[in-house]
C-alpha atoms as a PDB file:
ATOM      1  CA  UNK A   1      32.077  11.823   5.960  1.00  0.00           C
ATOM      2  CA  UNK A   2      28.464  13.030   6.197  1.00  0.00           C
ATOM      3  CA  UNK A   3      25.820  11.203   8.241  1.00  0.00           C
ATOM      4  CA  UNK A   4      23.802  10.660   5.052  1.00  0.00           C
ATOM      5  CA  UNK A   5      26.758   8.808   3.526  1.00  0.00           C
ATOM      6  CA  UNK A   6      27.108   6.608   6.602  1.00  0.00           C
ATOM      7  CA  UNK A   7      23.374   5.771   6.596  1.00  0.00           C
ATOM      8  CA  UNK A   8      23.593   4.619   2.972  1.00  0.00           C
ATOM      9  CA  UNK A   9      25.616   1.701   4.326  1.00  0.00           C
ATOM     10  CA  UNK A  10      23.040  -0.982   5.090  1.00  0.00           C
ATOM     11  CA  UNK A  11      24.878  -2.332   8.117  1.00  0.00           C
ATOM     12  CA  UNK A  12      25.185   1.147   9.657  1.00  0.00           C
ATOM     13  CA  UNK A  13      21.530   1.921   8.920  1.00  0.00           C
ATOM     14  CA  UNK A  14      20.259  -1.311  10.486  1.00  0.00           C
ATOM     15  CA  UNK A  15      22.549  -0.867  13.516  1.00  0.00           C
ATOM     16  CA  UNK A  16      21.276   2.707  14.006  1.00  0.00           C
ATOM     17  CA  UNK A  17      17.613   1.637  13.748  1.00  0.00           C
ATOM     18  CA  UNK A  18      17.810  -1.575  15.808  1.00  0.00           C
ATOM     19  CA  UNK A  19      17.616  -0.110  19.340  1.00  0.00           C
ATOM     20  CA  UNK A  20      14.341   1.732  18.741  1.00  0.00           C
ATOM     21  CA  UNK A  21      12.665   0.199  15.672  1.00  0.00           C
ATOM     22  CA  UNK A  22       9.955  -1.499  17.756  1.00  0.00           C
ATOM     23  CA  UNK A  23       9.236   1.649  19.747  1.00  0.00           C
ATOM     24  CA  UNK A  24       9.059   3.680  16.541  1.00  0.00           C
ATOM     25  CA  UNK A  25       6.480   1.268  15.092  1.00  0.00           C
ATOM     26  CA  UNK A  26       4.477   0.995  18.341  1.00  0.00           C
ATOM     27  CA  UNK A  27       1.264   2.738  17.148  1.00  0.00           C
ATOM     28  CA  UNK A  28       1.302   0.817  13.880  1.00  0.00           C
ATOM     29  CA  UNK A  29       1.838  -2.546  15.578  1.00  0.00           C
ATOM     30  CA  UNK A  30      -0.925  -1.810  18.103  1.00  0.00           C
ATOM     31  CA  UNK A  31      -3.409  -1.209  15.275  1.00  0.00           C
ATOM     32  CA  UNK A  32      -2.239  -3.948  12.901  1.00  0.00           C
ATOM     33  CA  UNK A  33      -4.777  -6.749  12.398  1.00  0.00           C
ATOM     34  CA  UNK A  34      -2.868  -9.461  10.497  1.00  0.00           C
ATOM     35  CA  UNK A  35      -6.079 -11.366   9.749  1.00  0.00           C
ATOM     36  CA  UNK A  36      -7.282  -8.460   7.571  1.00  0.00           C
ATOM     37  CA  UNK A  37      -4.060  -8.144   5.575  1.00  0.00           C
ATOM     38  CA  UNK A  38      -3.582 -10.021   2.312  1.00  0.00           C
ATOM     39  CA  UNK A  39      -1.051  -7.928   0.392  1.00  0.00           C
ATOM     40  CA  UNK A  40       1.459  -5.388   1.723  1.00  0.00           C
ATOM     41  CA  UNK A  41       3.378  -2.764  -0.204  1.00  0.00           C
ATOM     42  CA  UNK A  42       6.250  -1.244   1.809  1.00  0.00           C
ATOM     43  CA  UNK A  43       7.178   2.036   0.085  1.00  0.00           C
ATOM     44  CA  UNK A  44      10.674   3.256   0.914  1.00  0.00           C
ATOM     45  CA  UNK A  45      11.397  -0.077   2.601  1.00  0.00           C
ATOM     46  CA  UNK A  46      15.115   0.565   3.119  1.00  0.00           C
ATOM     47  CA  UNK A  47      17.027  -2.654   3.869  1.00  0.00           C
ATOM     48  CA  UNK A  48      13.847  -4.608   4.624  1.00  0.00           C
ATOM     49  CA  UNK A  49      13.598  -3.774   8.307  1.00  0.00           C
ATOM     50  CA  UNK A  50       9.796  -4.201   8.363  1.00  0.00           C
ATOM     51  CA  UNK A  51       9.493  -7.359   6.247  1.00  0.00           C
ATOM     52  CA  UNK A  52       9.473  -9.765   9.209  1.00  0.00           C
ATOM     53  CA  UNK A  53       6.249  -8.186  10.501  1.00  0.00           C
ATOM     54  CA  UNK A  54       4.502  -9.479   7.379  1.00  0.00           C
ATOM     55  CA  UNK A  55       5.891 -13.023   7.196  1.00  0.00           C
ATOM     56  CA  UNK A  56       2.473 -14.607   6.541  1.00  0.00           C
ATOM     57  CA  UNK A  57       1.254 -12.378   3.687  1.00  0.00           C
ATOM     58  CA  UNK A  58       2.169 -11.330   0.166  1.00  0.00           C
ATOM     59  CA  UNK A  59       4.797  -8.599   0.621  1.00  0.00           C
ATOM     60  CA  UNK A  60       6.633  -6.293  -1.782  1.00  0.00           C
ATOM     61  CA  UNK A  61       9.241  -3.783  -0.650  1.00  0.00           C
ATOM     62  CA  UNK A  62      10.220  -0.848  -2.867  1.00  0.00           C
ATOM     63  CA  UNK A  63      13.226   1.429  -2.451  1.00  0.00           C
ATOM     64  CA  UNK A  64      15.388   3.478  -4.808  1.00  0.00           C
ATOM     65  CA  UNK A  65      18.620   2.453  -3.049  1.00  0.00           C
ATOM     66  CA  UNK A  66      20.064  -0.643  -4.801  1.00  0.00           C
ATOM     67  CA  UNK A  67      22.324  -1.424  -1.824  1.00  0.00           C
ATOM     68  CA  UNK A  68      19.372  -1.499   0.568  1.00  0.00           C
ATOM     69  CA  UNK A  69      17.418  -3.759  -1.795  1.00  0.00           C
ATOM     70  CA  UNK A  70      20.335  -6.164  -2.318  1.00  0.00           C
ATOM     71  CA  UNK A  71      20.787  -6.440   1.460  1.00  0.00           C
ATOM     72  CA  UNK A  72      17.059  -6.991   2.021  1.00  0.00           C
ATOM     73  CA  UNK A  73      16.887  -9.739  -0.616  1.00  0.00           C
ATOM     74  CA  UNK A  74      19.973 -11.479   0.770  1.00  0.00           C
ATOM     75  CA  UNK A  75      18.729 -11.425   4.371  1.00  0.00           C
ATOM     76  CA  UNK A  76      15.041 -12.192   3.873  1.00  0.00           C
ATOM     77  CA  UNK A  77      14.436 -13.834   0.492  1.00  0.00           C
ATOM     78  CA  UNK A  78      11.285 -11.708   0.071  1.00  0.00           C
ATOM     79  CA  UNK A  79      10.171  -9.692  -2.971  1.00  0.00           C
ATOM     80  CA  UNK A  80      12.188  -6.466  -2.935  1.00  0.00           C
ATOM     81  CA  UNK A  81      12.493  -4.195  -5.948  1.00  0.00           C
ATOM     82  CA  UNK A  82      14.650  -1.206  -6.821  1.00  0.00           C
ATOM     83  CA  UNK A  83      11.840   1.133  -7.815  1.00  0.00           C
ATOM     84  CA  UNK A  84      10.361   4.573  -7.318  1.00  0.00           C
ATOM     85  CA  UNK A  85       6.645   4.225  -6.555  1.00  0.00           C
ATOM     86  CA  UNK A  86       5.939   7.347  -8.649  1.00  0.00           C
ATOM     87  CA  UNK A  87       7.467   5.737 -11.752  1.00  0.00           C
ATOM     88  CA  UNK A  88       5.898   2.288 -11.743  1.00  0.00           C
ATOM     89  CA  UNK A  89       4.400   1.076 -14.999  1.00  0.00           C
ATOM     90  CA  UNK A  90       0.668   0.282 -14.902  1.00  0.00           C
ATOM     91  CA  UNK A  91       0.221  -3.219 -13.483  1.00  0.00           C
ATOM     92  CA  UNK A  92       3.858  -3.499 -12.364  1.00  0.00           C
ATOM     93  CA  UNK A  93       2.661  -3.863  -8.771  1.00  0.00           C
ATOM     94  CA  UNK A  94      -0.764  -5.189  -7.817  1.00  0.00           C
ATOM     95  CA  UNK A  95      -2.902  -3.043  -5.506  1.00  0.00           C
ATOM     96  CA  UNK A  96      -2.336  -3.668  -1.803  1.00  0.00           C
ATOM     97  CA  UNK A  97      -4.739  -3.586   1.114  1.00  0.00           C
ATOM     98  CA  UNK A  98      -1.998  -2.286   3.411  1.00  0.00           C
ATOM     99  CA  UNK A  99       0.596   0.203   2.231  1.00  0.00           C
ATOM    100  CA  UNK A 100       3.295   1.167   4.707  1.00  0.00           C
ATOM    101  CA  UNK A 101       5.262   4.395   4.283  1.00  0.00           C
ATOM    102  CA  UNK A 102       7.682   4.449   7.205  1.00  0.00           C
ATOM    103  CA  UNK A 103       9.981   7.455   7.625  1.00  0.00           C
ATOM    104  CA  UNK A 104      10.227   8.240   3.926  1.00  0.00           C
ATOM    105  CA  UNK A 105       8.315  11.455   3.359  1.00  0.00           C
ATOM    106  CA  UNK A 106      10.570  13.732   5.422  1.00  0.00           C
ATOM    107  CA  UNK A 107      13.192  13.099   2.727  1.00  0.00           C
ATOM    108  CA  UNK A 108      10.892  14.581   0.051  1.00  0.00           C
ATOM    109  CA  UNK A 109       9.802  18.130  -0.726  1.00  0.00           C
ATOM    110  CA  UNK A 110       6.073  18.918  -0.951  1.00  0.00           C
ATOM    111  CA  UNK A 111       5.809  18.239  -4.705  1.00  0.00           C
ATOM    112  CA  UNK A 112       7.557  14.876  -4.294  1.00  0.00           C
ATOM    113  CA  UNK A 113       5.270  14.020  -1.364  1.00  0.00           C
ATOM    114  CA  UNK A 114       2.198  14.815  -3.478  1.00  0.00           C
ATOM    115  CA  UNK A 115       3.445  12.611  -6.332  1.00  0.00           C
ATOM    116  CA  UNK A 116       4.271   9.808  -3.892  1.00  0.00           C
ATOM    117  CA  UNK A 117       0.917   9.961  -2.099  1.00  0.00           C
ATOM    118  CA  UNK A 118      -0.940  10.087  -5.423  1.00  0.00           C
ATOM    119  CA  UNK A 119       0.865   6.923  -6.530  1.00  0.00           C
ATOM    120  CA  UNK A 120       0.201   5.268  -3.161  1.00  0.00           C
ATOM    121  CA  UNK A 121      -3.500   6.179  -3.373  1.00  0.00           C
ATOM    122  CA  UNK A 122      -3.705   4.594  -6.815  1.00  0.00           C
ATOM    123  CA  UNK A 123      -2.121   1.357  -5.514  1.00  0.00           C
ATOM    124  CA  UNK A 124      -4.490   1.005  -2.554  1.00  0.00           C
ATOM    125  CA  UNK A 125      -7.383  -1.459  -2.786  1.00  0.00           C
ATOM    126  CA  UNK A 126     -10.848   0.080  -2.305  1.00  0.00           C
ATOM    127  CA  UNK A 127     -11.031  -1.174   1.298  1.00  0.00           C
ATOM    128  CA  UNK A 128      -7.298  -0.830   2.002  1.00  0.00           C
ATOM    129  CA  UNK A 129      -5.435   1.519   4.304  1.00  0.00           C
ATOM    130  CA  UNK A 130      -2.214   3.455   4.047  1.00  0.00           C
ATOM    131  CA  UNK A 131      -0.144   3.622   7.235  1.00  0.00           C
ATOM    132  CA  UNK A 132       2.335   6.497   7.385  1.00  0.00           C
ATOM    133  CA  UNK A 133       4.861   7.103  10.154  1.00  0.00           C
ATOM    134  CA  UNK A 134       7.046  10.160   9.804  1.00  0.00           C
ATOM    135  CA  UNK A 135       9.235  12.675  11.532  1.00  0.00           C
ATOM    136  CA  UNK A 136       7.642  15.793  13.036  1.00  0.00           C
ATOM    137  CA  UNK A 137       9.408  19.119  13.428  1.00  0.00           C
ATOM    138  CA  UNK A 138       8.173  20.397  16.818  1.00  0.00           C
ATOM    139  CA  UNK A 139       7.213  24.090  16.993  1.00  0.00           C
ATOM    140  CA  UNK A 140       9.372  24.841  20.026  1.00  0.00           C
ATOM    141  CA  UNK A 141      12.950  24.069  20.868  1.00  0.00           C
ATOM    142  CA  UNK A 142      13.347  20.602  22.344  1.00  0.00           C
ATOM    143  CA  UNK A 143      15.681  17.636  21.951  1.00  0.00           C
ATOM    144  CA  UNK A 144      13.150  16.277  19.418  1.00  0.00           C
ATOM    145  CA  UNK A 145      13.396  19.477  17.362  1.00  0.00           C
ATOM    146  CA  UNK A 146      17.186  19.256  17.418  1.00  0.00           C
ATOM    147  CA  UNK A 147      17.068  15.605  16.296  1.00  0.00           C
ATOM    148  CA  UNK A 148      14.685  16.513  13.458  1.00  0.00           C
ATOM    149  CA  UNK A 149      17.079  19.241  12.315  1.00  0.00           C
ATOM    150  CA  UNK A 150      20.041  16.831  12.450  1.00  0.00           C
ATOM    151  CA  UNK A 151      18.226  14.085  10.527  1.00  0.00           C
ATOM    152  CA  UNK A 152      19.444  13.428   6.985  1.00  0.00           C
ATOM    153  CA  UNK A 153      15.894  14.051   5.747  1.00  0.00           C
ATOM    154  CA  UNK A 154      15.586  17.794   5.105  1.00  0.00           C
ATOM    155  CA  UNK A 155      11.789  18.033   5.170  1.00  0.00           C
ATOM    156  CA  UNK A 156      10.535  17.211   8.656  1.00  0.00           C
ATOM    157  CA  UNK A 157       7.303  19.181   9.026  1.00  0.00           C
ATOM    158  CA  UNK A 158       5.112  20.493  11.859  1.00  0.00           C
ATOM    159  CA  UNK A 159       1.984  18.432  12.598  1.00  0.00           C
ATOM    160  CA  UNK A 160      -0.455  20.774  10.795  1.00  0.00           C
ATOM    161  CA  UNK A 161       1.629  20.572   7.610  1.00  0.00           C
ATOM    162  CA  UNK A 162       1.616  16.765   7.744  1.00  0.00           C
ATOM    163  CA  UNK A 163      -2.139  16.762   8.305  1.00  0.00           C
ATOM    164  CA  UNK A 164      -2.751  18.977   5.282  1.00  0.00           C
ATOM    165  CA  UNK A 165      -0.566  16.800   3.039  1.00  0.00           C
ATOM    166  CA  UNK A 166      -2.218  13.557   4.135  1.00  0.00           C
ATOM    167  CA  UNK A 167      -5.786  14.884   4.042  1.00  0.00           C
ATOM    168  CA  UNK A 168      -5.335  16.081   0.465  1.00  0.00           C
ATOM    169  CA  UNK A 169      -4.945  12.457  -0.646  1.00  0.00           C
ATOM    170  CA  UNK A 170      -6.738  10.210   1.856  1.00  0.00           C
ATOM    171  CA  UNK A 171      -9.769   9.960   4.105  1.00  0.00           C
ATOM    172  CA  UNK A 172      -8.350  10.290   7.610  1.00  0.00           C
ATOM    173  CA  UNK A 173      -8.860   7.343   9.977  1.00  0.00           C
ATOM    174  CA  UNK A 174      -6.046   8.068  12.470  1.00  0.00           C
ATOM    175  CA  UNK A 175      -3.775  11.071  13.015  1.00  0.00           C
ATOM    176  CA  UNK A 176      -1.734  10.451  16.143  1.00  0.00           C
ATOM    177  CA  UNK A 177       1.365  12.349  17.263  1.00  0.00           C
ATOM    178  CA  UNK A 178       3.751  10.387  19.483  1.00  0.00           C
ATOM    179  CA  UNK A 179       7.310  10.380  20.749  1.00  0.00           C
ATOM    180  CA  UNK A 180       9.806   7.605  21.309  1.00  0.00           C
ATOM    181  CA  UNK A 181      13.367   7.065  22.554  1.00  0.00           C
ATOM    182  CA  UNK A 182      12.641   9.062  25.690  1.00  0.00           C
ATOM    183  CA  UNK A 183      11.213  11.994  23.733  1.00  0.00           C
ATOM    184  CA  UNK A 184      14.205  12.350  21.400  1.00  0.00           C
ATOM    185  CA  UNK A 185      12.049  11.789  18.344  1.00  0.00           C
ATOM    186  CA  UNK A 186       8.670  13.324  17.602  1.00  0.00           C
ATOM    187  CA  UNK A 187       6.578  11.433  15.059  1.00  0.00           C
ATOM    188  CA  UNK A 188       3.131  11.265  13.528  1.00  0.00           C
ATOM    189  CA  UNK A 189       1.168   8.109  12.762  1.00  0.00           C
ATOM    190  CA  UNK A 190      -1.459   8.467  10.046  1.00  0.00           C
ATOM    191  CA  UNK A 191      -3.909   5.896   8.753  1.00  0.00           C
ATOM    192  CA  UNK A 192      -6.066   6.718   5.777  1.00  0.00           C
ATOM    193  CA  UNK A 193      -8.334   5.199   3.172  1.00  0.00           C
ATOM    194  CA  UNK A 194      -9.003   5.918  -0.478  1.00  0.00           C
ATOM    195  CA  UNK A 195     -10.933   8.980  -1.495  1.00  0.00           C
ATOM    196  CA  UNK A 196     -13.966   8.251  -3.668  1.00  0.00           C
END
């Protein structure tokens, strides 16, 4: 059985994420100002791991995995939808002032990332921000590089490649590399606003 098959099981996925989910979200949580957030769109929400962060606001989670969505609905009672953000009908989801894209893009090739970020841009309110956390492929050999290569997402990218992808779609507010789990994972945290 492949790791990707195991991670499609919601219990296995949540168990794998539980020990370091807070550490992984550290830069996002440090910057989050709940008083400024009215509506959240969680793109690639998985089994609803992040929903509890947004308990006081309007929240919608989107994922293409029906098993993840069923588990998220059962556990949280929040608004979760089986949907691909790039295929939403106009008006299907209202614009959000905070869009979270957590560890999704390294599963997508460059064309898919561009389509996803275009859709995300179009769903962002004029004063809203997109928050992206994703896996970095370090330039040199390290445990973090090995972990990126072993990840089920096939498109971990070096920092400059992430920067170019994000900057094509958004005005950069934050671009912060970081590590967690004792340096086993190398990540980037990006915050951006709408382009005019």
